[in-house]
Amino acid sequence: MRTYDFHDCLHEFLSEYLSHRRNFSDQTIRAYKQTFRLLKKYFEEELNVRFYDLDFETVSKDNLYSFLLYLKDNKNCSVNTLNLRLSAIKSFFRFCSEKDIEYYSYYLKIKSIHQFRGSKKNSVEYLTPEQIRLIFSVPEVGLRLERRNQFLMIFLYETGMRISEIINLRISDIIRKDNGITVRIKGKGSKIRYIPLLEDCVRHLDSYISAFHADSDNSEYLFYTIHGSEKTKMSPGTVDAFLKRYAKKAHETDETFPLGLHAHMFRHSIAMSMYKNQIPISYIRDFLGHADLSTTSVYSYADNETIRKALETVQNEIPSSSVRTKKWKGKEAELMKYCCLD
């Protein structure tokens, strides 16, 4: 039977262990205490768990990692600060495991959290919904080619097509049936997939076809350029040129907008939006035309905020200690003082 609970261990760790057994400086001890003050605040404000409800089940590896990501993403803490907080937490759990062998399994889990390194770019580059709306608003739609360019961007996003797929698309690949419009896409390895169009995209498509394909036959490319009065397949370079131009204008409005905008980023953006809206990764795989689910799984690792929110949704399933709640409920100030966090 455990003699010490979470708060008892924290009391001894901060009041005696660091100063008497480890001979830490006052400055280091203050930093450790600040770590647990921040942890208390995070659990209360972000996870809705009161300090007197904290126990070793609640202060889990997942919730601690969520806490560190919160400091990184919401509080803009540096890598050094994050590693200091992590070191304090690991030191506490190591102390607890030495205090009671039953806590050793918790320590092993916390110990497995790796230190943070210098910031890296996400595995995939994508635009936020706000940035998508911004880039769609950049073209001067009063001009014919600008209207074409706007629709091409919209179509890239709505269908998740690769640049090679969209420039090879022909009018015959737009399949109209009573229940709506479907796009037939020939992907890598000649693999065919079908993507339904939503109502808003259909309106853009009909407007585009009316303006650019009034007298076209079904064999013509959906997107084309004019060379010598003839319609020819649009080149990737043409798309890249106007995307870079639009990105520069968007950057003037939003300095976080990537200047290196490219067609594939629209594909990444719709996939990430689907993932954040909890669409199963297998559905996203089929939408994108990936042969292997492991290729699609990059989206499940690309966004720390998504991971943090996912962890928050399951935290309510973690049981709290009713015994400690009864002992400390309504005595928050006393508990803070007992744990040396006042």
C-alpha atoms as a PDB file:
ATOM      1  CA  MET A   1       0.000   0.000   0.000  1.00  0.00           C
ATOM      2  CA  ARG A   2       1.355   3.420  -0.936  1.00  0.00           C
ATOM      3  CA  THR A   3       2.389   5.568   1.994  1.00  0.00           C
ATOM      4  CA  TYR A   4       2.869   8.747  -0.042  1.00  0.00           C
ATOM      5  CA  ASP A   5       0.577  10.230  -2.658  1.00  0.00           C
ATOM      6  CA  PHE A   6       1.392  12.800  -5.351  1.00  0.00           C
ATOM      7  CA  HIS A   7       1.131  15.847  -3.049  1.00  0.00           C
ATOM      8  CA  ASP A   8       3.121  14.211  -0.257  1.00  0.00           C
ATOM      9  CA  CYS A   9       5.887  13.413  -2.697  1.00  0.00           C
ATOM     10  CA  LEU A  10       5.830  16.935  -4.122  1.00  0.00           C
ATOM     11  CA  HIS A  11       6.024  18.385  -0.603  1.00  0.00           C
ATOM     12  CA  GLU A  12       9.120  16.358   0.293  1.00  0.00           C
ATOM     13  CA  PHE A  13      10.715  16.865  -3.141  1.00  0.00           C
ATOM     14  CA  LEU A  14      10.510  20.669  -3.004  1.00  0.00           C
ATOM     15  CA  SER A  15      10.971  21.210   0.733  1.00  0.00           C
ATOM     16  CA  GLU A  16      13.803  18.781   1.511  1.00  0.00           C
ATOM     17  CA  TYR A  17      15.129  16.647  -1.337  1.00  0.00           C
ATOM     18  CA  LEU A  18      16.401  19.366  -3.674  1.00  0.00           C
ATOM     19  CA  SER A  19      18.087  21.455  -1.006  1.00  0.00           C
ATOM     20  CA  HIS A  20      19.330  18.839   1.512  1.00  0.00           C
ATOM     21  CA  ARG A  21      20.057  15.777  -0.607  1.00  0.00           C
ATOM     22  CA  ARG A  22      20.902  17.328  -3.976  1.00  0.00           C
ATOM     23  CA  ASN A  23      22.342  20.606  -2.686  1.00  0.00           C
ATOM     24  CA  PHE A  24      20.698  22.566  -5.469  1.00  0.00           C
ATOM     25  CA  SER A  25      21.046  26.332  -5.437  1.00  0.00           C
ATOM     26  CA  ASP A  26      18.172  28.562  -4.421  1.00  0.00           C
ATOM     27  CA  GLN A  27      17.874  29.732  -8.026  1.00  0.00           C
ATOM     28  CA  THR A  28      17.482  26.160  -9.325  1.00  0.00           C
ATOM     29  CA  ILE A  29      14.925  25.319  -6.649  1.00  0.00           C
ATOM     30  CA  ARG A  30      12.914  28.418  -7.590  1.00  0.00           C
ATOM     31  CA  ALA A  31      12.970  27.270 -11.215  1.00  0.00           C
ATOM     32  CA  TYR A  32      11.722  23.804 -10.195  1.00  0.00           C
ATOM     33  CA  LYS A  33       8.930  25.322  -8.137  1.00  0.00           C
ATOM     34  CA  GLN A  34       7.944  27.529 -11.047  1.00  0.00           C
ATOM     35  CA  THR A  35       7.673  24.424 -13.231  1.00  0.00           C
ATOM     36  CA  PHE A  36       5.064  22.929 -10.908  1.00  0.00           C
ATOM     37  CA  ARG A  37       3.212  26.229 -10.584  1.00  0.00           C
ATOM     38  CA  LEU A  38       2.928  26.300 -14.378  1.00  0.00           C
ATOM     39  CA  LEU A  39       1.869  22.656 -14.375  1.00  0.00           C
ATOM     40  CA  LYS A  40      -0.848  23.405 -11.814  1.00  0.00           C
ATOM     41  CA  LYS A  41      -2.085  26.343 -13.890  1.00  0.00           C
ATOM     42  CA  TYR A  42      -2.082  24.275 -17.083  1.00  0.00           C
ATOM     43  CA  PHE A  43      -4.123  21.453 -15.584  1.00  0.00           C
ATOM     44  CA  GLU A  44      -6.635  23.864 -14.084  1.00  0.00           C
ATOM     45  CA  GLU A  45      -7.060  26.250 -17.014  1.00  0.00           C
ATOM     46  CA  GLU A  46      -6.531  23.958 -19.996  1.00  0.00           C
ATOM     47  CA  LEU A  47      -7.606  20.511 -18.758  1.00  0.00           C
ATOM     48  CA  ASN A  48     -10.086  21.606 -16.063  1.00  0.00           C
ATOM     49  CA  VAL A  49      -8.404  19.464 -13.390  1.00  0.00           C
ATOM     50  CA  ARG A  50      -8.042  21.062  -9.957  1.00  0.00           C
ATOM     51  CA  PHE A  51      -4.735  20.900  -8.150  1.00  0.00           C
ATOM     52  CA  TYR A  52      -6.153  18.785  -5.327  1.00  0.00           C
ATOM     53  CA  ASP A  53      -7.270  16.201  -7.933  1.00  0.00           C
ATOM     54  CA  LEU A  54      -3.784  15.649  -9.306  1.00  0.00           C
ATOM     55  CA  ASP A  55      -2.356  12.167  -8.889  1.00  0.00           C
ATOM     56  CA  PHE A  56       0.097   9.903 -10.678  1.00  0.00           C
ATOM     57  CA  GLU A  57      -2.541   8.665 -13.111  1.00  0.00           C
ATOM     58  CA  THR A  58      -3.597  12.177 -14.079  1.00  0.00           C
ATOM     59  CA  VAL A  59      -0.064  13.571 -14.358  1.00  0.00           C
ATOM     60  CA  SER A  60       0.634  11.052 -17.092  1.00  0.00           C
ATOM     61  CA  LYS A  61       3.215  10.990 -19.851  1.00  0.00           C
ATOM     62  CA  ASP A  62       0.658  12.137 -22.434  1.00  0.00           C
ATOM     63  CA  ASN A  63      -0.606  15.002 -20.295  1.00  0.00           C
ATOM     64  CA  LEU A  64       2.916  16.104 -19.433  1.00  0.00           C
ATOM     65  CA  TYR A  65       3.894  16.094 -23.083  1.00  0.00           C
ATOM     66  CA  SER A  66       0.745  18.068 -23.798  1.00  0.00           C
ATOM     67  CA  PHE A  67       1.835  20.542 -21.131  1.00  0.00           C
ATOM     68  CA  LEU A  68       5.261  20.982 -22.737  1.00  0.00           C
ATOM     69  CA  LEU A  69       3.720  21.510 -26.171  1.00  0.00           C
ATOM     70  CA  TYR A  70       1.428  24.099 -24.622  1.00  0.00           C
ATOM     71  CA  LEU A  71       4.445  25.985 -23.267  1.00  0.00           C
ATOM     72  CA  LYS A  72       6.118  25.748 -26.665  1.00  0.00           C
ATOM     73  CA  ASP A  73       3.174  26.713 -28.880  1.00  0.00           C
ATOM     74  CA  ASN A  74       1.110  29.010 -26.656  1.00  0.00           C
ATOM     75  CA  LYS A  75       3.740  30.554 -24.395  1.00  0.00           C
ATOM     76  CA  ASN A  76       6.580  30.629 -26.940  1.00  0.00           C
ATOM     77  CA  CYS A  77       9.033  29.062 -24.507  1.00  0.00           C
ATOM     78  CA  SER A  78      12.527  28.487 -25.820  1.00  0.00           C
ATOM     79  CA  VAL A  79      14.042  25.040 -26.239  1.00  0.00           C
ATOM     80  CA  ASN A  80      16.256  25.635 -23.194  1.00  0.00           C
ATOM     81  CA  THR A  81      13.261  26.560 -21.050  1.00  0.00           C
ATOM     82  CA  LEU A  82      11.287  23.539 -22.217  1.00  0.00           C
ATOM     83  CA  ASN A  83      14.172  21.231 -21.367  1.00  0.00           C
ATOM     84  CA  LEU A  84      14.529  22.859 -17.945  1.00  0.00           C
ATOM     85  CA  ARG A  85      10.824  22.185 -17.234  1.00  0.00           C
ATOM     86  CA  LEU A  86      11.195  18.617 -18.492  1.00  0.00           C
ATOM     87  CA  SER A  87      14.291  18.065 -16.362  1.00  0.00           C
ATOM     88  CA  ALA A  88      12.450  19.232 -13.233  1.00  0.00           C
ATOM     89  CA  ILE A  89       9.549  16.876 -13.935  1.00  0.00           C
ATOM     90  CA  LYS A  90      11.839  13.903 -14.616  1.00  0.00           C
ATOM     91  CA  SER A  91      13.786  14.620 -11.448  1.00  0.00           C
ATOM     92  CA  PHE A  92      10.545  14.621  -9.447  1.00  0.00           C
ATOM     93  CA  PHE A  93       9.408  11.281 -10.854  1.00  0.00           C
ATOM     94  CA  ARG A  94      12.826   9.761 -10.272  1.00  0.00           C
ATOM     95  CA  PHE A  95      12.582  10.880  -6.641  1.00  0.00           C
ATOM     96  CA  CYS A  96       9.120   9.322  -6.386  1.00  0.00           C
ATOM     97  CA  SER A  97      10.363   6.015  -7.804  1.00  0.00           C
ATOM     98  CA  GLU A  98      13.114   5.970  -5.172  1.00  0.00           C
ATOM     99  CA  LYS A  99      10.538   6.744  -2.503  1.00  0.00           C
ATOM    100  CA  ASP A 100       8.170   3.949  -3.494  1.00  0.00           C
ATOM    101  CA  ILE A 101       8.865   1.154  -5.984  1.00  0.00           C
ATOM    102  CA  GLU A 102       5.231   1.292  -7.112  1.00  0.00           C
ATOM    103  CA  TYR A 103       5.975   4.644  -8.769  1.00  0.00           C
ATOM    104  CA  TYR A 104       8.835   3.236 -10.851  1.00  0.00           C
ATOM    105  CA  SER A 105       6.584   2.449 -13.835  1.00  0.00           C
ATOM    106  CA  TYR A 106       5.449   6.085 -13.923  1.00  0.00           C
ATOM    107  CA  TYR A 107       9.049   7.260 -13.862  1.00  0.00           C
ATOM    108  CA  LEU A 108      10.005   5.004 -16.766  1.00  0.00           C
ATOM    109  CA  LYS A 109       7.226   6.482 -18.900  1.00  0.00           C
ATOM    110  CA  ILE A 110       8.171  10.082 -18.075  1.00  0.00           C
ATOM    111  CA  LYS A 111      11.852   9.289 -18.587  1.00  0.00           C
ATOM    112  CA  SER A 112      11.087   8.280 -22.181  1.00  0.00           C
ATOM    113  CA  ILE A 113      10.056  11.851 -23.114  1.00  0.00           C
ATOM    114  CA  HIS A 114      12.917  13.129 -25.264  1.00  0.00           C
ATOM    115  CA  GLN A 115      14.478  16.520 -24.825  1.00  0.00           C
ATOM    116  CA  PHE A 116      13.455  19.234 -27.252  1.00  0.00           C
ATOM    117  CA  ARG A 117      15.839  20.274 -29.968  1.00  0.00           C
ATOM    118  CA  GLY A 118      16.101  23.358 -32.124  1.00  0.00           C
ATOM    119  CA  SER A 119      12.884  24.226 -33.918  1.00  0.00           C
ATOM    120  CA  LYS A 120      12.174  22.363 -37.127  1.00  0.00           C
ATOM    121  CA  LYS A 121       9.744  22.970 -39.908  1.00  0.00           C
ATOM    122  CA  ASN A 122       6.638  20.826 -39.994  1.00  0.00           C
ATOM    123  CA  SER A 123       6.905  17.601 -41.959  1.00  0.00           C
ATOM    124  CA  VAL A 124       4.542  19.136 -44.503  1.00  0.00           C
ATOM    125  CA  GLU A 125       4.023  22.731 -45.564  1.00  0.00           C
ATOM    126  CA  TYR A 126       0.402  23.783 -45.526  1.00  0.00           C
ATOM    127  CA  LEU A 127      -1.769  26.888 -45.390  1.00  0.00           C
ATOM    128  CA  THR A 128      -4.180  27.667 -42.582  1.00  0.00           C
ATOM    129  CA  PRO A 129      -7.858  28.259 -43.448  1.00  0.00           C
ATOM    130  CA  GLU A 130      -7.255  32.000 -43.041  1.00  0.00           C
ATOM    131  CA  GLN A 131      -4.316  31.856 -45.458  1.00  0.00           C
ATOM    132  CA  ILE A 132      -6.382  29.849 -47.950  1.00  0.00           C
ATOM    133  CA  ARG A 133      -9.062  32.541 -47.930  1.00  0.00           C
ATOM    134  CA  LEU A 134      -6.390  35.194 -48.312  1.00  0.00           C
ATOM    135  CA  ILE A 135      -4.717  33.616 -51.347  1.00  0.00           C
ATOM    136  CA  PHE A 136      -8.079  33.075 -53.043  1.00  0.00           C
ATOM    137  CA  SER A 137      -8.780  36.798 -52.672  1.00  0.00           C
ATOM    138  CA  VAL A 138      -5.535  37.968 -54.293  1.00  0.00           C
ATOM    139  CA  PRO A 139      -6.342  37.515 -58.036  1.00  0.00           C
ATOM    140  CA  GLU A 140      -8.028  40.470 -59.726  1.00  0.00           C
ATOM    141  CA  VAL A 141     -11.048  38.513 -60.936  1.00  0.00           C
ATOM    142  CA  GLY A 142     -12.124  41.301 -63.259  1.00  0.00           C
ATOM    143  CA  LEU A 143      -9.346  40.099 -65.556  1.00  0.00           C
ATOM    144  CA  ARG A 144      -9.896  36.935 -67.568  1.00  0.00           C
ATOM    145  CA  LEU A 145      -6.664  35.104 -66.766  1.00  0.00           C
ATOM    146  CA  GLU A 146      -6.877  36.123 -63.131  1.00  0.00           C
ATOM    147  CA  ARG A 147     -10.304  34.419 -62.920  1.00  0.00           C
ATOM    148  CA  ARG A 148      -8.749  31.297 -64.417  1.00  0.00           C
ATOM    149  CA  ASN A 149      -5.898  31.366 -61.925  1.00  0.00           C
ATOM    150  CA  GLN A 150      -8.243  31.812 -58.991  1.00  0.00           C
ATOM    151  CA  PHE A 151     -10.330  28.838 -60.027  1.00  0.00           C
ATOM    152  CA  LEU A 152      -7.255  26.676 -60.566  1.00  0.00           C
ATOM    153  CA  MET A 153      -6.189  27.379 -56.965  1.00  0.00           C
ATOM    154  CA  ILE A 154      -9.697  26.632 -55.708  1.00  0.00           C
ATOM    155  CA  PHE A 155      -9.756  23.398 -57.703  1.00  0.00           C
ATOM    156  CA  LEU A 156      -6.330  22.354 -56.421  1.00  0.00           C
ATOM    157  CA  TYR A 157      -7.546  22.793 -52.868  1.00  0.00           C
ATOM    158  CA  GLU A 158     -11.027  21.269 -53.231  1.00  0.00           C
ATOM    159  CA  THR A 159      -9.811  18.148 -55.034  1.00  0.00           C
ATOM    160  CA  GLY A 160      -6.373  17.662 -53.472  1.00  0.00           C
ATOM    161  CA  MET A 161      -4.885  17.039 -56.908  1.00  0.00           C
ATOM    162  CA  ARG A 162      -1.200  17.015 -57.718  1.00  0.00           C
ATOM    163  CA  ILE A 163      -0.034  19.608 -60.258  1.00  0.00           C
ATOM    164  CA  SER A 164       0.554  16.867 -62.850  1.00  0.00           C
ATOM    165  CA  GLU A 165      -2.978  15.572 -62.322  1.00  0.00           C
ATOM    166  CA  ILE A 166      -4.718  18.913 -62.705  1.00  0.00           C
ATOM    167  CA  ILE A 167      -2.906  20.043 -65.846  1.00  0.00           C
ATOM    168  CA  ASN A 168      -3.648  16.668 -67.481  1.00  0.00           C
ATOM    169  CA  LEU A 169      -7.352  16.920 -66.639  1.00  0.00           C
ATOM    170  CA  ARG A 170      -9.700  17.086 -69.634  1.00  0.00           C
ATOM    171  CA  ILE A 171     -13.306  18.250 -69.863  1.00  0.00           C
ATOM    172  CA  SER A 172     -14.355  14.622 -70.279  1.00  0.00           C
ATOM    173  CA  ASP A 173     -13.034  13.957 -66.759  1.00  0.00           C
ATOM    174  CA  ILE A 174     -15.829  16.133 -65.344  1.00  0.00           C
ATOM    175  CA  ILE A 175     -18.624  13.605 -64.892  1.00  0.00           C
ATOM    176  CA  ARG A 176     -22.115  15.001 -64.419  1.00  0.00           C
ATOM    177  CA  LYS A 177     -24.875  12.841 -62.982  1.00  0.00           C
ATOM    178  CA  ASP A 178     -28.220  13.506 -61.344  1.00  0.00           C
ATOM    179  CA  ASN A 179     -26.691  13.255 -57.881  1.00  0.00           C
ATOM    180  CA  GLY A 180     -23.909  15.766 -58.609  1.00  0.00           C
ATOM    181  CA  ILE A 181     -20.516  16.199 -60.276  1.00  0.00           C
ATOM    182  CA  THR A 182     -17.516  13.904 -59.891  1.00  0.00           C
ATOM    183  CA  VAL A 183     -13.965  14.461 -61.125  1.00  0.00           C
ATOM    184  CA  ARG A 184     -12.084  11.494 -62.585  1.00  0.00           C
ATOM    185  CA  ILE A 185      -8.406  11.829 -61.689  1.00  0.00           C
ATOM    186  CA  LYS A 186      -5.637   9.760 -63.208  1.00  0.00           C
ATOM    187  CA  GLY A 187      -2.961   9.548 -60.545  1.00  0.00           C
ATOM    188  CA  LYS A 188       0.435   7.950 -60.171  1.00  0.00           C
ATOM    189  CA  GLY A 189       0.774   4.558 -61.781  1.00  0.00           C
ATOM    190  CA  SER A 190      -2.330   5.278 -63.885  1.00  0.00           C
ATOM    191  CA  LYS A 191      -4.431   4.710 -60.776  1.00  0.00           C
ATOM    192  CA  ILE A 192      -7.899   6.258 -61.167  1.00  0.00           C
ATOM    193  CA  ARG A 193      -9.799   7.892 -58.317  1.00  0.00           C
ATOM    194  CA  TYR A 194     -13.050   9.829 -58.260  1.00  0.00           C
ATOM    195  CA  ILE A 195     -13.614  12.964 -56.188  1.00  0.00           C
ATOM    196  CA  PRO A 196     -17.110  14.464 -55.719  1.00  0.00           C
ATOM    197  CA  LEU A 197     -17.390  18.239 -55.883  1.00  0.00           C
ATOM    198  CA  LEU A 198     -19.259  20.235 -53.283  1.00  0.00           C
ATOM    199  CA  GLU A 199     -21.873  22.778 -54.267  1.00  0.00           C
ATOM    200  CA  ASP A 200     -19.701  25.864 -53.894  1.00  0.00           C
ATOM    201  CA  CYS A 201     -16.941  24.337 -56.022  1.00  0.00           C
ATOM    202  CA  VAL A 202     -19.510  23.331 -58.659  1.00  0.00           C
ATOM    203  CA  ARG A 203     -20.575  26.964 -58.983  1.00  0.00           C
ATOM    204  CA  HIS A 204     -16.967  28.003 -59.591  1.00  0.00           C
ATOM    205  CA  LEU A 205     -16.546  25.165 -62.095  1.00  0.00           C
ATOM    206  CA  ASP A 206     -19.678  26.069 -64.073  1.00  0.00           C
ATOM    207  CA  SER A 207     -18.662  29.715 -64.194  1.00  0.00           C
ATOM    208  CA  TYR A 208     -15.184  28.773 -65.402  1.00  0.00           C
ATOM    209  CA  ILE A 209     -16.426  26.389 -68.109  1.00  0.00           C
ATOM    210  CA  SER A 210     -18.919  28.978 -69.305  1.00  0.00           C
ATOM    211  CA  ALA A 211     -16.159  31.553 -69.704  1.00  0.00           C
ATOM    212  CA  PHE A 212     -13.317  29.340 -70.972  1.00  0.00           C
ATOM    213  CA  HIS A 213     -14.968  26.367 -72.681  1.00  0.00           C
ATOM    214  CA  ALA A 214     -18.155  27.682 -74.279  1.00  0.00           C
ATOM    215  CA  ASP A 215     -17.273  26.037 -77.627  1.00  0.00           C
ATOM    216  CA  SER A 216     -14.869  23.339 -76.454  1.00  0.00           C
ATOM    217  CA  ASP A 217     -15.210  19.617 -77.041  1.00  0.00           C
ATOM    218  CA  ASN A 218     -14.741  17.043 -74.288  1.00  0.00           C
ATOM    219  CA  SER A 219     -11.219  16.115 -75.353  1.00  0.00           C
ATOM    220  CA  GLU A 220      -9.723  19.531 -74.537  1.00  0.00           C
ATOM    221  CA  TYR A 221      -7.684  20.210 -71.428  1.00  0.00           C
ATOM    222  CA  LEU A 222      -9.651  21.811 -68.614  1.00  0.00           C
ATOM    223  CA  PHE A 223      -6.815  24.281 -67.975  1.00  0.00           C
ATOM    224  CA  TYR A 224      -4.876  25.546 -70.951  1.00  0.00           C
ATOM    225  CA  THR A 225      -2.722  28.341 -72.309  1.00  0.00           C
ATOM    226  CA  ILE A 226      -2.872  29.916 -75.759  1.00  0.00           C
ATOM    227  CA  HIS A 227       0.100  29.482 -78.098  1.00  0.00           C
ATOM    228  CA  GLY A 228      -0.251  30.643 -81.678  1.00  0.00           C
ATOM    229  CA  SER A 229      -4.016  30.927 -81.302  1.00  0.00           C
ATOM    230  CA  GLU A 230      -4.180  27.271 -80.227  1.00  0.00           C
ATOM    231  CA  LYS A 231      -5.109  25.863 -76.838  1.00  0.00           C
ATOM    232  CA  THR A 232      -2.242  23.891 -75.340  1.00  0.00           C
ATOM    233  CA  LYS A 233      -1.770  22.087 -72.045  1.00  0.00           C
ATOM    234  CA  MET A 234      -0.746  24.419 -69.248  1.00  0.00           C
ATOM    235  CA  SER A 235       2.800  23.884 -67.987  1.00  0.00           C
ATOM    236  CA  PRO A 236       3.747  23.543 -64.306  1.00  0.00           C
ATOM    237  CA  GLY A 237       5.988  26.586 -64.762  1.00  0.00           C
ATOM    238  CA  THR A 238       2.998  28.754 -65.658  1.00  0.00           C
ATOM    239  CA  VAL A 239       1.227  27.706 -62.463  1.00  0.00           C
ATOM    240  CA  ASP A 240       4.366  28.186 -60.390  1.00  0.00           C
ATOM    241  CA  ALA A 241       4.876  31.700 -61.774  1.00  0.00           C
ATOM    242  CA  PHE A 242       1.481  33.080 -60.809  1.00  0.00           C
ATOM    243  CA  LEU A 243       1.501  31.294 -57.439  1.00  0.00           C
ATOM    244  CA  LYS A 244       4.786  32.988 -56.536  1.00  0.00           C
ATOM    245  CA  ARG A 245       3.350  36.335 -57.632  1.00  0.00           C
ATOM    246  CA  TYR A 246       0.211  35.868 -55.552  1.00  0.00           C
ATOM    247  CA  ALA A 247       2.222  34.672 -52.560  1.00  0.00           C
ATOM    248  CA  LYS A 248       4.234  37.885 -52.607  1.00  0.00           C
ATOM    249  CA  LYS A 249       1.027  39.923 -52.489  1.00  0.00           C
ATOM    250  CA  ALA A 250      -0.451  37.749 -49.738  1.00  0.00           C
ATOM    251  CA  HIS A 251       2.755  38.142 -47.741  1.00  0.00           C
ATOM    252  CA  GLU A 252       2.266  41.909 -47.764  1.00  0.00           C
ATOM    253  CA  THR A 253      -1.018  41.366 -45.909  1.00  0.00           C
ATOM    254  CA  ASP A 254       0.116  38.465 -43.720  1.00  0.00           C
ATOM    255  CA  GLU A 255       3.841  38.321 -43.047  1.00  0.00           C
ATOM    256  CA  THR A 256       3.539  34.656 -42.031  1.00  0.00           C
ATOM    257  CA  PHE A 257       2.286  33.715 -45.479  1.00  0.00           C
ATOM    258  CA  PRO A 258       4.934  31.539 -47.192  1.00  0.00           C
ATOM    259  CA  LEU A 259       6.663  33.218 -50.099  1.00  0.00           C
ATOM    260  CA  GLY A 260       7.569  29.793 -51.477  1.00  0.00           C
ATOM    261  CA  LEU A 261       3.962  28.886 -52.282  1.00  0.00           C
ATOM    262  CA  HIS A 262       3.702  25.937 -54.664  1.00  0.00           C
ATOM    263  CA  ALA A 263       0.830  23.879 -56.059  1.00  0.00           C
ATOM    264  CA  HIS A 264       1.405  20.893 -53.781  1.00  0.00           C
ATOM    265  CA  MET A 265       0.810  23.096 -50.757  1.00  0.00           C
ATOM    266  CA  PHE A 266      -2.918  23.226 -51.584  1.00  0.00           C
ATOM    267  CA  ARG A 267      -2.961  19.424 -51.492  1.00  0.00           C
ATOM    268  CA  HIS A 268      -1.241  19.449 -48.113  1.00  0.00           C
ATOM    269  CA  SER A 269      -3.638  22.114 -46.848  1.00  0.00           C
ATOM    270  CA  ILE A 270      -6.868  20.254 -47.609  1.00  0.00           C
ATOM    271  CA  ALA A 271      -5.398  17.030 -46.196  1.00  0.00           C
ATOM    272  CA  MET A 272      -4.384  18.762 -42.972  1.00  0.00           C
ATOM    273  CA  SER A 273      -7.788  20.432 -42.707  1.00  0.00           C
ATOM    274  CA  MET A 274      -9.469  17.037 -43.075  1.00  0.00           C
ATOM    275  CA  TYR A 275      -7.178  15.520 -40.439  1.00  0.00           C
ATOM    276  CA  LYS A 276      -7.857  18.332 -37.981  1.00  0.00           C
ATOM    277  CA  ASN A 277     -11.568  17.784 -38.480  1.00  0.00           C
ATOM    278  CA  GLN A 278     -11.089  14.153 -37.421  1.00  0.00           C
ATOM    279  CA  ILE A 279     -11.578  12.581 -40.846  1.00  0.00           C
ATOM    280  CA  PRO A 280     -10.143   9.026 -40.640  1.00  0.00           C
ATOM    281  CA  ILE A 281      -6.646   8.846 -42.069  1.00  0.00           C
ATOM    282  CA  SER A 282      -7.734   5.981 -44.351  1.00  0.00           C
ATOM    283  CA  TYR A 283     -10.324   8.276 -45.981  1.00  0.00           C
ATOM    284  CA  ILE A 284      -7.672  10.941 -46.514  1.00  0.00           C
ATOM    285  CA  ARG A 285      -5.445   8.306 -48.127  1.00  0.00           C
ATOM    286  CA  ASP A 286      -8.159   7.463 -50.646  1.00  0.00           C
ATOM    287  CA  PHE A 287      -8.903  11.139 -51.268  1.00  0.00           C
ATOM    288  CA  LEU A 288      -5.262  11.878 -52.037  1.00  0.00           C
ATOM    289  CA  GLY A 289      -4.717   8.691 -54.017  1.00  0.00           C
ATOM    290  CA  HIS A 290      -1.888   7.365 -51.851  1.00  0.00           C
ATOM    291  CA  ALA A 291      -1.012   3.725 -52.389  1.00  0.00           C
ATOM    292  CA  ASP A 292       0.226   3.257 -48.817  1.00  0.00           C
ATOM    293  CA  LEU A 293      -1.328   4.534 -45.594  1.00  0.00           C
ATOM    294  CA  SER A 294       2.152   5.282 -44.234  1.00  0.00           C
ATOM    295  CA  THR A 295       2.488   8.040 -46.843  1.00  0.00           C
ATOM    296  CA  THR A 296      -0.688   9.703 -45.586  1.00  0.00           C
ATOM    297  CA  SER A 297       0.247   9.334 -41.924  1.00  0.00           C
ATOM    298  CA  VAL A 298       2.612  12.315 -42.227  1.00  0.00           C
ATOM    299  CA  TYR A 299      -0.417  14.542 -41.581  1.00  0.00           C
ATOM    300  CA  SER A 300      -1.018  12.927 -38.214  1.00  0.00           C
ATOM    301  CA  TYR A 301       2.404  14.096 -36.997  1.00  0.00           C
ATOM    302  CA  ALA A 302       2.612  17.523 -38.518  1.00  0.00           C
ATOM    303  CA  ASP A 303       0.747  19.695 -36.070  1.00  0.00           C
ATOM    304  CA  ASN A 304       1.440  19.964 -32.343  1.00  0.00           C
ATOM    305  CA  GLU A 305      -1.755  21.878 -31.647  1.00  0.00           C
ATOM    306  CA  THR A 306      -3.804  19.026 -33.059  1.00  0.00           C
ATOM    307  CA  ILE A 307      -1.983  16.536 -30.859  1.00  0.00           C
ATOM    308  CA  ARG A 308      -2.479  18.709 -27.783  1.00  0.00           C
ATOM    309  CA  LYS A 309      -6.211  19.033 -28.407  1.00  0.00           C
ATOM    310  CA  ALA A 310      -6.522  15.306 -28.964  1.00  0.00           C
ATOM    311  CA  LEU A 311      -4.874  14.671 -25.630  1.00  0.00           C
ATOM    312  CA  GLU A 312      -7.224  17.118 -23.937  1.00  0.00           C
ATOM    313  CA  THR A 313     -10.274  15.255 -25.217  1.00  0.00           C
ATOM    314  CA  VAL A 314      -9.275  12.063 -23.425  1.00  0.00           C
ATOM    315  CA  GLN A 315      -8.070  13.524 -20.150  1.00  0.00           C
ATOM    316  CA  ASN A 316     -11.557  13.480 -18.615  1.00  0.00           C
ATOM    317  CA  GLU A 317     -11.466   9.695 -18.733  1.00  0.00           C
ATOM    318  CA  ILE A 318      -8.613   9.644 -16.236  1.00  0.00           C
ATOM    319  CA  PRO A 319      -9.856   8.810 -12.739  1.00  0.00           C
ATOM    320  CA  SER A 320      -8.955  11.134  -9.895  1.00  0.00           C
ATOM    321  CA  SER A 321      -8.309  10.246  -6.293  1.00  0.00           C
ATOM    322  CA  SER A 322     -11.523  10.717  -4.336  1.00  0.00           C
ATOM    323  CA  VAL A 323      -9.640  10.290  -1.052  1.00  0.00           C
ATOM    324  CA  ARG A 324      -7.336  13.239  -1.703  1.00  0.00           C
ATOM    325  CA  THR A 325     -10.208  15.329  -3.090  1.00  0.00           C
ATOM    326  CA  LYS A 326     -12.065  14.984   0.189  1.00  0.00           C
ATOM    327  CA  LYS A 327      -8.958  15.852   2.182  1.00  0.00           C
ATOM    328  CA  TRP A 328      -7.935  18.984   0.274  1.00  0.00           C
ATOM    329  CA  LYS A 329     -11.162  20.166  -1.413  1.00  0.00           C
ATOM    330  CA  GLY A 330     -11.831  23.742  -0.370  1.00  0.00           C
ATOM    331  CA  LYS A 331      -8.314  24.070   1.049  1.00  0.00           C
ATOM    332  CA  GLU A 332      -6.449  25.121  -2.070  1.00  0.00           C
ATOM    333  CA  ALA A 333      -4.274  27.685  -0.268  1.00  0.00           C
ATOM    334  CA  GLU A 334      -3.277  25.178   2.391  1.00  0.00           C
ATOM    335  CA  LEU A 335      -2.393  22.575  -0.219  1.00  0.00           C
ATOM    336  CA  MET A 336      -0.304  25.060  -2.186  1.00  0.00           C
ATOM    337  CA  LYS A 337       1.588  25.940   0.981  1.00  0.00           C
ATOM    338  CA  TYR A 338       2.040  22.271   1.864  1.00  0.00           C
ATOM    339  CA  CYS A 339       3.527  21.630  -1.586  1.00  0.00           C
ATOM    340  CA  CYS A 340       5.826  24.686  -1.290  1.00  0.00           C
ATOM    341  CA  LEU A 341       4.145  26.451  -4.211  1.00  0.00           C
ATOM    342  CA  ASP A 342       2.622  29.405  -2.355  1.00  0.00           C
END
